């Protein structure tokens, strides 16, 4: 295979002289006037610019407001929490150390002395206190305010400028990992207050950050530029001088850019091209991912408020066909909202113990038709035409078209398709202005509650608008329970959610991506978030 040559090199020819004894021979040369033997050594200096296609125009890169993967990628490179995930392990970030009380309820973090913002101002524990309090303030309307309650985070305070104390209402094993998650990143009050809520983060003049990179340019719908933060405490590890983040939505265009050497990092490509890339291109790889692709039903719309209708729709789709003929990247048909990577206290796979709730990889057509008939729509007669809403993407469109055809063939019903740009779609979905829409969730931590917690009454990610008192009570009670007793409550909650078919699981994600051979030291967290703080560009072999 012909190797790609990326035109990112600055070549400097340096002439060195072969001396034995240096000064002594130099003096002898001056006396004799004889020329010494010279040897040219060509040193290749690689330009440290990384071009990465984000694939969308992020709705926000404000850590406290962001609720999407694209914004998470950017904030993970601009900011840093108390801890940071490196090579799958949590290491000290802004906190040089921490201690935990014997009862597991009080965490005391010591902020490092050299913690600074990108404008040179000292970072203190007060910045964390302000940032966390801002997220949970209802006026902020953060999409992730709920995670504090879900993780039993009861209170937090800056004891002094370098001491940050957090109290939990119940022991939470995954809490330390959460402090590396963007919702828990610090932000500075004076910059947030300097402009309209959230817009400070996309304005290079106010977007002060504390991570390895800072924002130097942001052109909506086009690209943003990140450059090294000279005040980052580990600035010596940062080799890249610029990250150019593109917002190319069209997968084919982005792939062409990668294959022509104009883009070095890509994680969204046309499904039709995946078999070829998998067979021929060593830069293409598929990583595991803790995430589920599903459809949300708007429960306030008739007859989607009928559980028999929702179950019929779910049983009528062929998930195996979708992953084999549409997505083609090793995805696994989903029978539950919770992926297979989550274990209970006994070490058993949660979604195997819970069962499949009648959902199989292949469609159960006869059962689906019987359910629809029982709901009053035999052979789809009288069933209203619904709309599937998705954000603009060739991949989402292909899946929607496949499901559209399956529902028509298997149930005799018709649906239309509509798409919106990503930022608009997020608001549409959250406001409930849809009938059926695509959804996806990447687990924020390794526990089933990262999925189940979304469907508590009033949660901002509860797109269907489902409300169930028993479900809410189980999630609340489980916070103070321990061991397998806690997981029994979670199993019961999962059963309530799944047997009502509030959402329609389609498949468990994988993480296909392409990384150019000139990119070294890149990494993704266990949550699938890019980090380039230790990356560098190297010569192609």
Foldseek 3Di string as FASTA:
>chain_A
DDAAAAPQKDKDKDKDFDDDPPVVVVVVCVVVVDDGDIDIDIDIDGAQEAEAELQAFALFLQLLADDDQSSQQVVLAFAFFQWAADPQDTAGFQFNDWDADPQQFKIKTFGDPLQAKLVGHHQFLVQLQVLLVLSLPVVLVHLCNLVCVLQQFDDWDRPDRGMIMTGGPAHGPCVSVLRGGSSRTGDDDVLCVPDDHRVSCQDQVRNIYRHQWGWDHDDGQFWTKIAGRPSHPVNVLFARGMYIYGNNNAQDVVVVCVVNNNHFKWFDHAQVCVVVCVVPPPLKDWAAFFKFKWKFAQCVDPPSVPLLLLVLLQLLAQLLCCCVPQNVRPWAFDLARGDQQAAALVRHGLDVVLDRLPHDNGHPLVSSQVSCVVVPQHLNPPPDEFEEEEADHPSVVRSVVRSQVSCCVRRVHHYHYDYHHDSVVLVCQLVLVGGMYIDMDGQPTRHCCSRLVCCDQPNSNNSNNDYDPLLNVLSSVLRHDDGVVSVVSVSVSRCVPSNSSSMRTRTRDITIMGGRPQKPDWDAHNSGHTYCRNIGGHGDD
